[in-house]
Amino acid sequence: MPDVPGEPRGRMPRALALSLVIGPACWLMPHQGAIATLLPQRIAAIDPEHKVTLVMMFSTVAMLVALVANIVLGACSDRTRTRFGKRKPWIVGCSVLSCLVLAAFARADGIPAMLAWWCLYELVVNGVASAMVAQLSDRVPAGWRGTLSSAYGLGQTIGGQAGTLVAAQFLGDVTLGVDVFAAVALAGGVVSALLAGERSNLDEPARPFSARDLASMVMFPTHGARDFYKTLAARFLLVVGGSMASNYMLYILLDYLRLGRADAQRLLSVNSAITLVIGLVCCLAAGPVTDRIGRPKLLVVCTTAMIAVGALVPFLCPTPGGLIAFSCIVGVASGANSSLVQTISVEVLPDASAAAKDLGVLNLANTLGGVGASLVAASVIGRFGYGAVFAAQAVIVLCSGALFLSIRRLR
């Protein structure tokens, strides 16, 4: 399998494709399961009166850590030269640390200790994520980029939805749930790195480290980067809109739909399962379709419009059935977007030699978007109630679609 893009299409790198499914699934599953379900449950048990504000605070403080970690650790990965390659050491090392930090977080007493361990977890998990996604740029031939982006998106879909699904089973024992996720983070990171089969890169030229290089590690790209920043903004809005309801889904079920805890747990599991299955199918289809027709921009505009339509269903029909319809419609669009957005992100990179750093910059959309989702959702909930979250989601994702449409480099 060629280690650089631009080679002939050839045979699909199957082992790397499998690695790009397992890897993101196993770092995102613990992250999403904890941040969306287990963390809110623990916070609600400790301080139910201020639970919404505290969830927002956790997201905001952790964002400040992830903001820097994703870019700096990505730049460190770009500069790494070892007999194991430049991505594998970061994936394995940070996966081990993720496991240890999650185990400590599970046993933290009180909000301050929980916050400290969660910030440390955000630091190490971004070391995994930045190195893993960079493989799409430096190890995938151009002719297979859509398909392997689909594999990566498939892993994200599995991780995001399975995280919520698994976490829902541990609402009564948060510590055990986090321990399970810690084991997943460790096993998934190691297996993914081994499957990827990255070779030694000791022969890859490396400049002597200097003060200018230190500054460049945190500098955003400035040349030929217009479409890059449009993609960053579009991804940010897409994450904000897509995460607003999910970040507060437990509270929506309990306080908006007025369900009991047992019913809320069942519906949370059903919705996660529906979104997971539909998302998997659509994610698998989106990459090969993109490679065949070469129109990722058109497809992502259509899927963002679909999310907006789906978000209006529970706003107009606040029932369990309305929420299930929402999960079905958004599952289709979000599953496809998992592949499409990664394909677009790699295509708009201004400098392939700084792929991990620049993809880390683009990944700020996920970090900032998650925080922005909590801030916007908390503000909307406080002023208009839980139902208005869905209307706000529709407006925001439509703005994201407009930005994707304006990208000139892609059709």
Protein backbone atom coordinates (compact mmCIF):
# COMPACT_ATOMS: atom_id res chain seq x y z
CA MET A 1 0.00 0.00 0.00
CA PRO A 2 1.55 3.34 -1.04
CA ASP A 3 2.30 5.64 1.88
CA VAL A 4 1.76 8.82 -0.12
CA PRO A 5 -1.29 10.15 -1.93
CA GLY A 6 -1.24 10.63 -5.67
CA GLU A 7 -0.23 7.07 -6.53
CA PRO A 8 -2.41 5.07 -8.94
CA ARG A 9 -5.69 3.92 -7.44
CA GLY A 10 -4.64 0.24 -7.32
CA ARG A 11 -6.18 -2.07 -4.74
CA MET A 12 -8.03 -0.71 -1.76
CA PRO A 13 -5.84 -0.73 1.42
CA ARG A 14 -8.17 -2.98 3.39
CA ALA A 15 -6.14 -3.21 6.62
CA LEU A 16 -5.84 0.58 6.82
CA ALA A 17 -9.57 0.91 6.09
CA LEU A 18 -10.39 -1.44 8.97
CA SER A 19 -7.99 0.49 11.19
CA LEU A 20 -9.81 3.72 10.30
CA VAL A 21 -13.08 2.16 11.42
CA ILE A 22 -11.85 0.71 14.72
CA GLY A 23 -9.68 3.67 15.74
CA PRO A 24 -12.19 6.54 15.71
CA ALA A 25 -14.94 4.27 17.03
CA CYS A 26 -12.87 3.42 20.10
CA TRP A 27 -11.73 6.93 21.01
CA LEU A 28 -15.07 8.59 20.25
CA MET A 29 -17.24 5.99 22.01
CA PRO A 30 -15.83 6.74 25.48
CA HIS A 31 -15.76 10.48 24.82
CA GLN A 32 -19.32 10.74 23.55
CA GLY A 33 -20.74 8.26 26.05
CA ALA A 34 -19.22 10.16 28.94
CA ILE A 35 -19.82 13.76 27.83
CA ALA A 36 -23.40 13.22 26.60
CA THR A 37 -24.76 10.81 29.21
CA LEU A 38 -22.57 9.66 32.10
CA LEU A 39 -21.12 13.07 32.96
CA PRO A 40 -24.56 14.77 33.00
CA GLN A 41 -25.88 11.90 35.12
CA ARG A 42 -23.07 12.26 37.68
CA ILE A 43 -23.48 16.05 37.74
CA ALA A 44 -27.25 15.76 38.20
CA ALA A 45 -26.68 13.42 41.16
CA ILE A 46 -24.23 15.85 42.80
CA ASP A 47 -25.92 19.19 42.06
CA PRO A 48 -29.34 18.82 40.37
CA GLU A 49 -30.20 22.49 40.76
CA HIS A 50 -27.28 23.70 38.63
CA LYS A 51 -26.93 20.72 36.29
CA VAL A 52 -27.41 22.62 32.99
CA THR A 53 -24.90 25.31 33.96
CA LEU A 54 -22.36 22.77 35.15
CA VAL A 55 -22.56 20.73 31.93
CA MET A 56 -21.93 23.96 30.03
CA MET A 57 -18.98 24.79 32.31
CA PHE A 58 -17.38 21.37 31.79
CA SER A 59 -17.68 21.75 28.03
CA THR A 60 -16.21 25.27 28.07
CA VAL A 61 -13.20 24.56 30.27
CA ALA A 62 -12.40 21.29 28.51
CA MET A 63 -12.59 23.12 25.17
CA LEU A 64 -9.77 25.44 26.18
CA VAL A 65 -7.55 22.40 26.75
CA ALA A 66 -8.59 20.63 23.55
CA LEU A 67 -8.26 23.86 21.57
CA VAL A 68 -4.49 23.88 22.00
CA ALA A 69 -3.91 20.13 22.35
CA ASN A 70 -5.35 19.21 18.95
CA ILE A 71 -3.13 21.63 17.04
CA VAL A 72 0.07 21.27 19.08
CA LEU A 73 -0.03 17.48 19.38
CA GLY A 74 -0.92 17.25 15.68
CA ALA A 75 2.13 19.37 14.84
CA CYS A 76 4.30 17.15 17.08
CA SER A 77 2.98 14.12 15.21
CA ASP A 78 3.91 15.74 11.87
CA ARG A 79 7.50 16.19 13.10
CA THR A 80 7.88 12.73 14.70
CA ARG A 81 10.49 10.41 13.16
CA THR A 82 10.65 6.85 14.56
CA ARG A 83 11.04 3.31 13.29
CA PHE A 84 7.32 2.93 14.04
CA GLY A 85 6.33 5.93 11.90
CA LYS A 86 5.00 9.30 13.00
CA ARG A 87 1.37 8.45 13.82
CA LYS A 88 1.58 5.09 15.61
CA PRO A 89 3.52 6.29 18.70
CA TRP A 90 0.97 9.01 19.38
CA ILE A 91 -2.04 6.74 18.80
CA VAL A 92 -0.74 4.01 21.13
CA GLY A 93 0.74 6.26 23.80
CA CYS A 94 -2.25 8.56 24.10
CA SER A 95 -4.68 5.61 24.07
CA VAL A 96 -2.88 4.14 27.10
CA LEU A 97 -3.06 7.50 28.86
CA SER A 98 -6.76 7.86 27.94
CA CYS A 99 -7.48 4.58 29.71
CA LEU A 100 -5.64 5.60 32.87
CA VAL A 101 -7.17 9.07 33.02
CA LEU A 102 -10.72 7.78 32.50
CA ALA A 103 -10.21 5.29 35.34
CA ALA A 104 -9.15 8.16 37.61
CA PHE A 105 -12.08 10.31 36.43
CA ALA A 106 -14.51 7.52 37.32
CA ARG A 107 -13.32 7.64 40.93
CA ALA A 108 -13.16 11.42 41.33
CA ASP A 109 -15.13 12.90 44.22
CA GLY A 110 -16.75 16.28 43.68
CA ILE A 111 -17.04 18.68 40.76
CA PRO A 112 -13.48 20.19 40.93
CA ALA A 113 -11.74 16.79 40.80
CA MET A 114 -14.03 15.61 38.01
CA LEU A 115 -13.25 18.77 36.03
CA ALA A 116 -9.49 18.37 36.46
CA TRP A 117 -9.47 14.76 35.27
CA TRP A 118 -11.80 15.56 32.37
CA CYS A 119 -9.48 18.32 31.15
CA LEU A 120 -6.54 15.91 31.25
CA TYR A 121 -8.61 13.38 29.32
CA GLU A 122 -9.38 15.99 26.64
CA LEU A 123 -5.63 16.58 26.32
CA VAL A 124 -4.67 12.96 25.69
CA VAL A 125 -7.69 11.98 23.56
CA ASN A 126 -6.85 14.80 21.16
CA GLY A 127 -3.40 13.25 20.75
CA VAL A 128 -5.14 10.09 19.51
CA ALA A 129 -7.58 11.91 17.26
CA SER A 130 -5.09 14.27 15.57
CA ALA A 131 -2.66 11.48 14.65
CA MET A 132 -5.38 9.10 13.50
CA VAL A 133 -7.21 11.42 11.12
CA ALA A 134 -3.93 12.62 9.54
CA GLN A 135 -3.53 9.18 7.97
CA LEU A 136 -6.27 10.13 5.50
CA SER A 137 -3.92 12.72 4.06
CA ASP A 138 -0.51 11.06 4.21
CA ARG A 139 -1.32 7.36 3.75
CA VAL A 140 -4.42 7.15 1.51
CA PRO A 141 -4.12 7.24 -2.31
CA ALA A 142 -6.26 9.99 -3.83
CA GLY A 143 -8.43 7.50 -5.74
CA TRP A 144 -9.55 5.85 -2.48
CA ARG A 145 -9.88 8.97 -0.35
CA GLY A 146 -13.66 9.09 -0.41
CA THR A 147 -14.00 5.41 0.43
CA LEU A 148 -11.51 5.51 3.32
CA SER A 149 -13.04 8.76 4.55
CA SER A 150 -16.22 6.72 4.61
CA ALA A 151 -14.43 4.13 6.75
CA TYR A 152 -13.30 6.85 9.14
CA GLY A 153 -16.80 8.32 9.20
CA LEU A 154 -18.19 4.86 9.83
CA GLY A 155 -15.97 4.59 12.89
CA GLN A 156 -17.13 7.99 14.08
CA THR A 157 -20.76 7.00 13.62
CA ILE A 158 -20.27 3.77 15.52
CA GLY A 159 -18.38 5.55 18.28
CA GLY A 160 -20.80 8.45 18.64
CA GLN A 161 -24.00 6.44 18.64
CA ALA A 162 -22.72 3.33 20.42
CA GLY A 163 -21.24 5.58 23.10
CA THR A 164 -24.68 6.92 23.94
CA LEU A 165 -26.27 3.50 23.60
CA VAL A 166 -23.76 1.83 25.93
CA ALA A 167 -23.73 4.73 28.39
CA ALA A 168 -27.53 4.49 28.75
CA GLN A 169 -27.07 1.04 30.28
CA PHE A 170 -24.90 2.47 33.09
CA LEU A 171 -27.04 5.35 34.35
CA GLY A 172 -27.30 3.49 37.65
CA ASP A 173 -23.53 2.86 37.93
CA VAL A 174 -21.53 5.64 36.31
CA THR A 175 -18.19 4.38 37.64
CA LEU A 176 -18.59 0.98 36.00
CA GLY A 177 -19.67 2.63 32.75
CA VAL A 178 -16.57 4.82 32.62
CA ASP A 179 -14.35 1.81 33.42
CA VAL A 180 -15.85 -0.04 30.44
CA PHE A 181 -15.13 2.95 28.23
CA ALA A 182 -11.54 3.12 29.53
CA ALA A 183 -10.96 -0.47 28.42
CA VAL A 184 -12.45 0.31 24.99
CA ALA A 185 -10.14 3.31 24.57
CA LEU A 186 -7.05 1.23 25.34
CA ALA A 187 -7.90 -1.82 23.23
CA GLY A 188 -9.18 0.17 20.26
CA GLY A 189 -6.17 2.46 20.05
CA VAL A 190 -3.63 -0.35 20.15
CA VAL A 191 -5.50 -2.59 17.68
CA SER A 192 -6.04 0.30 15.28
CA ALA A 193 -2.37 1.27 15.29
CA LEU A 194 -1.24 -2.31 14.68
CA LEU A 195 -3.71 -2.83 11.81
CA ALA A 196 -2.66 0.39 10.10
CA GLY A 197 0.80 -1.11 9.54
CA GLU A 198 2.62 2.21 9.44
CA ARG A 199 6.25 1.87 8.38
CA SER A 200 9.37 3.52 9.72
CA ASN A 201 9.79 7.14 8.67
CA LEU A 202 13.37 7.60 9.90
CA ASP A 203 14.42 8.37 6.32
CA GLU A 204 11.88 11.20 6.01
CA PRO A 205 13.66 14.59 5.95
CA ALA A 206 13.25 16.64 9.12
CA ARG A 207 14.36 20.22 9.66
CA PRO A 208 16.36 21.09 12.78
CA PHE A 209 14.03 22.38 15.45
CA SER A 210 14.06 26.15 15.89
CA ALA A 211 12.13 28.96 17.54
CA ARG A 212 10.39 29.58 14.22
CA ASP A 213 9.26 25.94 14.13
CA LEU A 214 7.93 26.29 17.66
CA ALA A 215 5.84 29.25 16.57
CA SER A 216 4.69 27.44 13.42
CA MET A 217 3.29 24.63 15.56
CA VAL A 218 0.44 26.88 16.67
CA MET A 219 0.14 29.11 13.58
CA PHE A 220 -2.92 28.77 11.39
CA PRO A 221 -2.35 28.46 7.60
CA THR A 222 -2.33 31.77 5.75
CA HIS A 223 -1.63 31.02 2.07
CA GLY A 224 -4.26 29.58 -0.27
CA ALA A 225 -6.52 28.92 2.69
CA ARG A 226 -9.82 30.62 1.82
CA ASP A 227 -11.69 27.37 1.23
CA PHE A 228 -9.94 25.90 4.26
CA TYR A 229 -11.48 28.52 6.54
CA LYS A 230 -14.88 28.25 4.88
CA THR A 231 -14.74 24.54 5.65
CA LEU A 232 -13.75 25.30 9.25
CA ALA A 233 -16.72 27.64 9.69
CA ALA A 234 -19.12 25.24 7.97
CA ARG A 235 -17.97 22.33 10.12
CA PHE A 236 -18.28 24.45 13.25
CA LEU A 237 -21.89 25.35 12.52
CA LEU A 238 -22.70 21.77 11.56
CA VAL A 239 -21.35 20.49 14.90
CA VAL A 240 -23.16 23.22 16.83
CA GLY A 241 -26.45 22.41 15.16
CA GLY A 242 -25.96 18.66 15.30
CA SER A 243 -24.94 18.59 18.98
CA MET A 244 -27.42 21.01 20.52
CA ALA A 245 -30.11 18.41 21.13
CA SER A 246 -27.79 15.46 21.80
CA ASN A 247 -25.87 17.28 24.54
CA TYR A 248 -29.10 17.71 26.50
CA MET A 249 -30.99 14.66 25.24
CA LEU A 250 -31.32 13.12 28.71
CA TYR A 251 -32.85 16.32 30.05
CA ILE A 252 -35.05 16.70 26.94
CA LEU A 253 -36.53 13.24 27.54
CA LEU A 254 -37.10 13.90 31.23
CA ASP A 255 -38.16 17.56 31.20
CA TYR A 256 -39.54 18.19 27.67
CA LEU A 257 -41.27 14.90 26.90
CA ARG A 258 -42.04 14.35 30.63
CA LEU A 259 -40.88 10.73 30.62
CA GLY A 260 -39.94 8.77 33.71
CA ARG A 261 -36.37 7.60 34.16
CA ALA A 262 -37.07 4.06 32.95
CA ASP A 263 -38.96 5.28 29.86
CA ALA A 264 -36.27 7.87 29.16
CA GLN A 265 -33.59 5.19 29.32
CA ARG A 266 -35.51 2.96 26.90
CA LEU A 267 -36.17 5.77 24.43
CA LEU A 268 -32.55 6.92 24.64
CA SER A 269 -31.43 3.39 23.78
CA VAL A 270 -33.96 3.06 20.94
CA ASN A 271 -32.98 6.42 19.41
CA SER A 272 -29.28 5.63 19.64
CA ALA A 273 -29.81 2.23 18.01
CA ILE A 274 -31.87 3.72 15.18
CA THR A 275 -29.36 6.49 14.49
CA LEU A 276 -26.49 4.01 14.65
CA VAL A 277 -27.95 1.52 12.16
CA ILE A 278 -29.12 4.15 9.71
CA GLY A 279 -25.91 6.13 10.08
CA LEU A 280 -23.77 3.08 9.38
CA VAL A 281 -25.58 2.30 6.14
CA CYS A 282 -25.48 5.88 4.88
CA CYS A 283 -21.87 6.41 5.90
CA LEU A 284 -20.79 3.25 4.05
CA ALA A 285 -22.62 4.40 0.92
CA ALA A 286 -21.49 8.04 0.92
CA GLY A 287 -17.75 7.47 0.38
CA PRO A 288 -17.95 5.19 -2.68
CA VAL A 289 -20.66 7.42 -4.16
CA THR A 290 -18.40 10.43 -3.68
CA ASP A 291 -15.46 8.66 -5.34
CA ARG A 292 -17.70 7.71 -8.27
CA ILE A 293 -19.47 11.02 -8.97
CA GLY A 294 -16.90 13.43 -7.53
CA ARG A 295 -19.47 15.85 -6.03
CA PRO A 296 -18.88 15.96 -2.25
CA LYS A 297 -19.97 19.60 -1.97
CA LEU A 298 -23.36 19.00 -3.58
CA LEU A 299 -23.99 15.94 -1.42
CA VAL A 300 -23.10 17.67 1.85
CA VAL A 301 -25.40 20.62 1.05
CA CYS A 302 -28.28 18.19 0.53
CA THR A 303 -27.59 16.35 3.78
CA THR A 304 -27.42 19.54 5.85
CA ALA A 305 -30.82 20.54 4.48
CA MET A 306 -32.12 17.11 5.51
CA ILE A 307 -30.91 17.66 9.09
CA ALA A 308 -32.82 20.95 9.21
CA VAL A 309 -36.02 19.22 8.09
CA GLY A 310 -35.57 16.45 10.64
CA ALA A 311 -34.98 18.91 13.49
CA LEU A 312 -38.36 20.52 12.92
CA VAL A 313 -40.24 17.27 13.57
CA PRO A 314 -39.86 17.11 17.38
CA PHE A 315 -40.32 20.88 17.53
CA LEU A 316 -43.74 20.57 15.88
CA CYS A 317 -44.53 17.14 17.36
CA PRO A 318 -43.09 16.87 20.92
CA THR A 319 -43.77 13.17 21.42
CA PRO A 320 -41.66 10.00 21.57
CA GLY A 321 -42.77 9.29 17.99
CA GLY A 322 -41.60 12.71 16.87
CA LEU A 323 -38.23 12.13 18.48
CA ILE A 324 -37.88 8.75 16.76
CA ALA A 325 -38.70 10.38 13.39
CA PHE A 326 -36.03 12.99 14.18
CA SER A 327 -33.49 10.23 14.84
CA CYS A 328 -34.31 8.49 11.54
CA ILE A 329 -34.03 11.59 9.36
CA VAL A 330 -30.97 13.02 11.08
CA GLY A 331 -29.38 9.56 11.16
CA VAL A 332 -29.43 9.40 7.35
CA ALA A 333 -27.89 12.85 6.93
CA SER A 334 -25.37 12.62 9.76
CA GLY A 335 -24.18 9.20 8.64
CA ALA A 336 -23.46 10.50 5.15
CA ASN A 337 -21.83 13.64 6.53
CA SER A 338 -19.37 11.59 8.57
CA SER A 339 -17.74 10.61 5.29
CA LEU A 340 -18.42 13.70 3.19
CA VAL A 341 -17.01 16.22 5.66
CA GLN A 342 -13.76 14.26 6.05
CA THR A 343 -13.37 14.05 2.27
CA ILE A 344 -13.86 17.79 1.90
CA SER A 345 -11.50 18.53 4.80
CA VAL A 346 -8.62 16.61 3.23
CA GLU A 347 -9.21 18.18 -0.20
CA VAL A 348 -9.02 21.78 1.10
CA LEU A 349 -5.76 21.36 3.07
CA PRO A 350 -3.33 24.12 1.99
CA ASP A 351 -0.15 22.15 2.91
CA ALA A 352 -0.01 18.34 2.87
CA SER A 353 3.25 18.29 4.88
CA ALA A 354 1.40 19.85 7.82
CA ALA A 355 -1.64 17.60 7.53
CA ALA A 356 -2.02 16.66 11.20
CA LYS A 357 -1.65 20.26 12.37
CA ASP A 358 -4.05 21.68 9.80
CA LEU A 359 -6.56 18.88 10.31
CA GLY A 360 -6.18 19.71 14.00
CA VAL A 361 -7.18 23.27 13.16
CA LEU A 362 -10.21 21.96 11.29
CA ASN A 363 -10.97 19.71 14.23
CA LEU A 364 -11.40 22.86 16.29
CA ALA A 365 -14.81 22.86 14.65
CA ASN A 366 -15.62 19.75 16.68
CA THR A 367 -14.13 21.13 19.89
CA LEU A 368 -15.51 24.64 19.61
CA GLY A 369 -18.72 23.31 18.09
CA GLY A 370 -19.37 21.06 21.06
CA VAL A 371 -18.87 23.98 23.41
CA GLY A 372 -20.87 26.31 21.20
CA ALA A 373 -23.67 23.77 21.13
CA SER A 374 -23.78 23.68 24.93
CA LEU A 375 -23.67 27.48 25.19
CA VAL A 376 -26.31 28.10 22.54
CA ALA A 377 -28.53 25.27 23.76
CA ALA A 378 -28.28 26.41 27.38
CA SER A 379 -29.21 29.95 26.33
CA VAL A 380 -32.13 28.77 24.20
CA ILE A 381 -33.38 26.41 26.92
CA GLY A 382 -33.16 29.13 29.56
CA ARG A 383 -35.13 31.60 27.47
CA PHE A 384 -37.52 29.56 25.33
CA GLY A 385 -37.54 26.01 26.72
CA TYR A 386 -36.26 22.68 25.44
CA GLY A 387 -38.45 22.59 22.32
CA ALA A 388 -36.80 25.67 20.84
CA VAL A 389 -33.48 23.78 20.67
CA PHE A 390 -34.75 21.90 17.62
CA ALA A 391 -35.80 25.08 15.78
CA ALA A 392 -32.41 26.65 16.50
CA GLN A 393 -30.72 23.51 15.20
CA ALA A 394 -32.54 23.80 11.87
CA VAL A 395 -31.44 27.41 11.35
CA ILE A 396 -27.80 26.75 12.25
CA VAL A 397 -27.31 23.72 9.99
CA LEU A 398 -28.82 25.63 7.06
CA CYS A 399 -26.14 28.30 7.56
CA SER A 400 -23.54 25.51 7.52
CA GLY A 401 -24.90 24.25 4.20
CA ALA A 402 -24.62 27.73 2.69
CA LEU A 403 -20.94 27.89 3.65
CA PHE A 404 -20.21 24.48 2.16
CA LEU A 405 -21.93 25.64 -1.05
CA SER A 406 -19.56 28.63 -1.29
CA ILE A 407 -16.37 26.50 -1.40
CA ARG A 408 -14.78 27.04 -4.81
CA ARG A 409 -12.22 24.25 -4.90
CA LEU A 410 -14.84 21.48 -4.94
CA ARG A 411 -17.91 20.69 -7.01
